[in-house]
Amino acid sequence: MLPAGSSGAGAGTDREVGESVQTGANDLSALWERLERLLAERAPGDHAALRPGASPAELNELEQDLGFPLHPGLRTLLIRHNGVTARRSSTEPGAFLLNYHLLDTAGVLENQRLLASMEQDAMDEGDGELVSGRIAHRMWVPFAASFTADMLFVDHRTGEHYGEIGETNFGDPEYLLLWASQETMLRDLCDGIENGSPVGPLRQVPRVHEGRMLEWMVAGLEW
C-alpha cells in the first residue's frame, strides 16, 4: 500500500501524458485560429465555406466505424470544422488547403474505406507489396480531397509514421510525405498565406482568386 499523499509511478505517467496531449491540442487550436483569421481577412469565400464542428456522437460513430481511435490532431480538426460546404465545381470556394477541401466525418470514412479496399484487393491478388503503404493503407485516414480523387491523409500507423500528413495521387506509384505533423502543416500554410512563400515539398504558392478564395500553384509557373 502506498503512503498517504503519494501516488504510483503509473499515475504520474498517465497525468503527464494527459497534460502533453492537452498542450498539443491547445497549440493546434491556436494554429487553426490563426489560419481562420487569415482566411477571413484574405479569402472570405473560403472562410465562409467552413462548416461547424462535428458532434461528439459523430466522432464516436466515426471511430467505431474505423475500428481505431482518431489521431488527436484529426479529432481537433473535426471538432472545429466538420468539412466545408459542398462544392459543385472547382470554381467554388473551400479548397484552401493546397487546392484540397476538408472532408466531413462521412467523407472521412468513405475515403478511408476506399483506401482500405484498395489495399485488401491488392493483397488478395498477391500484389500487396505494390500497394500497401505505397498508394493505399487501411490506417491512412483522409481528411481532405480534390475533385480528381486525390487525398490528403493523417497516417495512423503505429511507430515513426504516426501523425504524418501524406498525399496520395492515384496517378503516382508512391504517396508523397508532405509534413511530419498537422502542426507543421498549419504553420507552413499560415506562413505561405501571410508572406506568399512556397509551401510543402512541391513549393506551391497561394494567390487570392476574385478576392474570395485561395488557389495554389507551383512556384515559378505562370498564372
Protein backbone atom coordinates (compact mmCIF):
# COMPACT_ATOMS: atom_id res chain seq x y z
CA MET A 1 0.00 0.00 0.00
CA LEU A 2 1.24 3.49 -0.87
CA PRO A 3 1.73 6.01 1.92
CA ALA A 4 -0.91 8.71 2.24
CA GLY A 5 -0.29 11.58 -0.14
CA SER A 6 1.83 9.54 -2.53
CA SER A 7 0.93 8.09 -5.89
CA GLY A 8 2.19 5.29 -8.09
CA ALA A 9 4.60 5.89 -10.96
CA GLY A 10 1.89 4.92 -13.43
CA ALA A 11 -0.43 7.63 -12.15
CA GLY A 12 2.24 10.26 -12.65
CA THR A 13 2.99 9.00 -16.13
CA ASP A 14 -0.69 8.98 -17.09
CA ARG A 15 -1.07 12.53 -15.80
CA GLU A 16 1.98 13.70 -17.76
CA VAL A 17 0.71 12.07 -20.94
CA GLY A 18 -2.70 13.67 -20.46
CA GLU A 19 -1.15 17.09 -19.93
CA SER A 20 1.03 16.64 -23.02
CA VAL A 21 -1.98 15.72 -25.16
CA GLN A 22 -3.92 18.73 -23.85
CA THR A 23 -1.00 21.06 -24.57
CA GLY A 24 -0.76 19.70 -28.09
CA ALA A 25 -4.49 20.20 -28.64
CA ASN A 26 -4.23 23.79 -27.39
CA ASP A 27 -1.30 24.52 -29.72
CA LEU A 28 -3.18 23.00 -32.65
CA SER A 29 -6.31 25.01 -31.88
CA ALA A 30 -4.24 28.20 -31.82
CA LEU A 31 -2.83 27.37 -35.25
CA TRP A 32 -6.30 26.73 -36.64
CA GLU A 33 -7.42 30.07 -35.22
CA ARG A 34 -4.52 31.75 -36.99
CA LEU A 35 -5.48 30.12 -40.29
CA GLU A 36 -9.14 31.02 -39.84
CA ARG A 37 -8.21 34.67 -39.25
CA LEU A 38 -6.12 34.71 -42.42
CA LEU A 39 -8.93 33.20 -44.44
CA ALA A 40 -11.45 35.70 -43.06
CA GLU A 41 -9.12 38.58 -43.99
CA ARG A 42 -7.83 37.41 -47.36
CA ALA A 43 -10.12 34.68 -48.70
CA PRO A 44 -13.58 35.35 -47.25
CA GLY A 45 -15.25 32.82 -49.52
CA ASP A 46 -13.06 30.04 -48.16
CA HIS A 47 -13.72 31.17 -44.61
CA ALA A 48 -17.48 31.21 -45.18
CA ALA A 49 -17.32 27.66 -46.57
CA LEU A 50 -16.05 26.23 -43.26
CA ARG A 51 -18.73 24.17 -41.54
CA PRO A 52 -19.30 23.94 -37.77
CA GLY A 53 -17.59 21.11 -35.94
CA ALA A 54 -18.72 17.51 -35.65
CA SER A 55 -20.67 16.45 -32.59
CA PRO A 56 -19.27 14.01 -30.02
CA ALA A 57 -21.75 11.43 -31.29
CA GLU A 58 -20.50 11.84 -34.87
CA LEU A 59 -16.88 11.48 -33.75
CA ASN A 60 -17.63 8.41 -31.67
CA GLU A 61 -19.52 6.82 -34.57
CA LEU A 62 -16.61 7.54 -36.91
CA GLU A 63 -14.13 5.89 -34.56
CA GLN A 64 -16.39 2.87 -34.16
CA ASP A 65 -16.69 2.52 -37.93
CA LEU A 66 -12.94 2.95 -38.44
CA GLY A 67 -12.15 0.41 -35.73
CA PHE A 68 -9.44 2.54 -34.11
CA PRO A 69 -9.15 5.95 -32.37
CA LEU A 70 -8.65 9.11 -34.36
CA HIS A 71 -5.29 10.82 -34.12
CA PRO A 72 -5.71 13.72 -31.62
CA GLY A 73 -4.88 16.25 -34.33
CA LEU A 74 -7.55 14.92 -36.67
CA ARG A 75 -10.06 14.87 -33.82
CA THR A 76 -9.20 18.52 -33.08
CA LEU A 77 -9.77 19.42 -36.73
CA LEU A 78 -13.16 17.70 -36.90
CA ILE A 79 -14.25 19.30 -33.63
CA ARG A 80 -13.55 22.70 -35.19
CA HIS A 81 -14.82 22.03 -38.72
CA ASN A 82 -16.79 19.08 -39.99
CA GLY A 83 -15.70 19.70 -43.56
CA VAL A 84 -16.74 22.57 -45.81
CA THR A 85 -19.90 23.48 -47.67
CA ALA A 86 -20.38 21.02 -50.54
CA ARG A 87 -18.55 22.17 -53.65
CA ARG A 88 -20.12 21.53 -57.05
CA SER A 89 -17.14 22.72 -59.09
CA SER A 90 -13.53 23.81 -58.71
CA THR A 91 -14.61 27.45 -59.13
CA GLU A 92 -16.40 27.37 -55.77
CA PRO A 93 -14.51 28.24 -52.57
CA GLY A 94 -13.44 25.82 -49.87
CA ALA A 95 -10.29 24.24 -51.34
CA PHE A 96 -7.90 26.44 -49.40
CA LEU A 97 -5.63 23.55 -48.38
CA LEU A 98 -3.35 23.29 -51.44
CA ASN A 99 -6.47 23.03 -53.64
CA TYR A 100 -7.99 20.34 -51.41
CA HIS A 101 -11.26 20.75 -49.48
CA LEU A 102 -11.83 19.42 -45.97
CA LEU A 103 -13.97 16.30 -45.59
CA ASP A 104 -16.79 15.79 -43.11
CA THR A 105 -16.98 12.65 -40.97
CA ALA A 106 -18.94 10.79 -43.65
CA GLY A 107 -16.35 11.71 -46.27
CA VAL A 108 -13.50 10.70 -43.97
CA LEU A 109 -14.99 7.24 -43.54
CA GLU A 110 -15.91 6.83 -47.21
CA ASN A 111 -12.40 7.66 -48.39
CA GLN A 112 -10.70 5.58 -45.68
CA ARG A 113 -12.79 2.60 -46.76
CA LEU A 114 -11.74 3.19 -50.35
CA LEU A 115 -8.07 3.07 -49.38
CA ALA A 116 -8.62 0.00 -47.20
CA SER A 117 -10.44 -1.74 -50.04
CA MET A 118 -7.65 -0.94 -52.50
CA GLU A 119 -5.08 -2.39 -50.13
CA GLN A 120 -7.11 -5.53 -49.41
CA ASP A 121 -7.84 -6.15 -53.10
CA ALA A 122 -4.13 -5.90 -53.89
CA MET A 123 -3.25 -8.29 -51.08
CA ASP A 124 -5.88 -10.78 -52.28
CA GLU A 125 -4.34 -10.67 -55.74
CA GLY A 126 -0.81 -11.12 -54.42
CA ASP A 127 0.23 -7.55 -55.19
CA GLY A 128 0.14 -6.20 -51.66
CA GLU A 129 3.75 -5.03 -51.70
CA LEU A 130 2.97 -2.79 -54.67
CA VAL A 131 0.09 -1.05 -52.93
CA SER A 132 0.22 -1.35 -49.13
CA GLY A 133 1.93 1.69 -47.65
CA ARG A 134 2.74 2.98 -51.12
CA ILE A 135 -0.54 4.17 -52.62
CA ALA A 136 -3.07 2.91 -50.06
CA HIS A 137 -3.31 1.65 -46.49
CA ARG A 138 -6.23 0.99 -44.16
CA MET A 139 -4.55 3.10 -41.46
CA TRP A 140 -4.43 6.18 -43.68
CA VAL A 141 -7.36 8.39 -42.72
CA PRO A 142 -8.15 11.06 -45.34
CA PHE A 143 -9.23 14.49 -44.15
CA ALA A 144 -9.18 16.43 -47.43
CA ALA A 145 -9.84 15.59 -51.07
CA SER A 146 -9.78 17.08 -54.55
CA PHE A 147 -12.15 16.74 -57.49
CA THR A 148 -9.61 14.39 -59.10
CA ALA A 149 -10.00 11.93 -56.18
CA ASP A 150 -6.57 12.67 -54.75
CA MET A 151 -6.44 12.85 -50.94
CA LEU A 152 -4.57 14.26 -48.00
CA PHE A 153 -4.47 11.87 -45.07
CA VAL A 154 -3.28 11.52 -41.49
CA ASP A 155 -1.15 8.40 -41.09
CA HIS A 156 -2.46 6.27 -38.22
CA ARG A 157 0.13 3.51 -38.49
CA THR A 158 1.90 2.97 -35.20
CA GLY A 159 5.55 3.90 -34.96
CA GLU A 160 7.53 6.54 -36.79
CA HIS A 161 4.80 7.38 -39.32
CA TYR A 162 2.06 8.10 -36.78
CA GLY A 163 0.60 11.58 -37.34
CA GLU A 164 2.36 12.30 -40.62
CA ILE A 165 0.45 14.12 -43.36
CA GLY A 166 0.64 12.44 -46.74
CA GLU A 167 -0.80 12.91 -50.20
CA THR A 168 -1.97 10.02 -52.33
CA ASN A 169 -2.31 10.63 -56.04
CA PHE A 170 -3.68 7.65 -57.90
CA GLY A 171 -1.56 8.51 -60.93
CA ASP A 172 1.66 8.05 -58.95
CA PRO A 173 3.25 4.79 -57.73
CA GLU A 174 4.16 6.22 -54.31
CA TYR A 175 2.44 8.54 -51.87
CA LEU A 176 4.10 11.83 -51.05
CA LEU A 177 5.02 12.75 -47.50
CA LEU A 178 4.07 16.41 -47.10
CA TRP A 179 4.53 17.19 -43.41
CA ALA A 180 5.65 15.43 -40.24
CA SER A 181 2.57 16.65 -38.36
CA GLN A 182 -0.57 18.73 -38.62
CA GLU A 183 1.14 21.46 -36.59
CA THR A 184 3.89 21.72 -39.21
CA MET A 185 1.29 21.77 -41.97
CA LEU A 186 -0.65 24.63 -40.39
CA ARG A 187 2.45 26.73 -39.68
CA ASP A 188 3.59 26.22 -43.26
CA LEU A 189 0.19 27.16 -44.66
CA CYS A 190 -0.16 30.25 -42.50
CA ASP A 191 3.34 31.47 -43.35
CA GLY A 192 2.65 30.89 -47.04
CA ILE A 193 -0.62 32.82 -46.98
CA GLU A 194 0.90 35.69 -44.98
CA ASN A 195 4.12 36.00 -46.96
CA GLY A 196 3.40 34.42 -50.33
CA SER A 197 6.19 31.94 -49.63
CA PRO A 198 6.31 28.41 -51.13
CA VAL A 199 4.56 25.68 -49.14
CA GLY A 200 5.33 21.98 -48.95
CA PRO A 201 7.76 19.82 -50.95
CA LEU A 202 6.14 20.90 -54.25
CA ARG A 203 6.76 24.57 -53.29
CA GLN A 204 3.24 25.78 -54.02
CA VAL A 205 2.42 29.46 -53.59
CA PRO A 206 -1.02 30.99 -52.98
CA ARG A 207 -2.94 33.70 -54.72
CA VAL A 208 -6.39 35.06 -53.97
CA HIS A 209 -8.79 34.44 -56.85
CA GLU A 210 -11.51 37.05 -57.41
CA GLY A 211 -10.89 38.39 -53.90
CA ARG A 212 -12.68 35.42 -52.34
CA MET A 213 -10.77 32.13 -52.49
CA LEU A 214 -7.24 30.75 -52.44
CA GLU A 215 -5.64 29.00 -55.38
CA TRP A 216 -2.26 27.29 -55.20
CA MET A 217 0.30 26.98 -57.99
CA VAL A 218 3.80 25.50 -58.12
CA ALA A 219 6.31 28.33 -57.61
CA GLY A 220 7.78 29.60 -60.86
CA LEU A 221 4.87 28.62 -63.08
CA GLU A 222 2.86 31.32 -64.80
CA TRP A 223 -0.60 32.09 -63.51
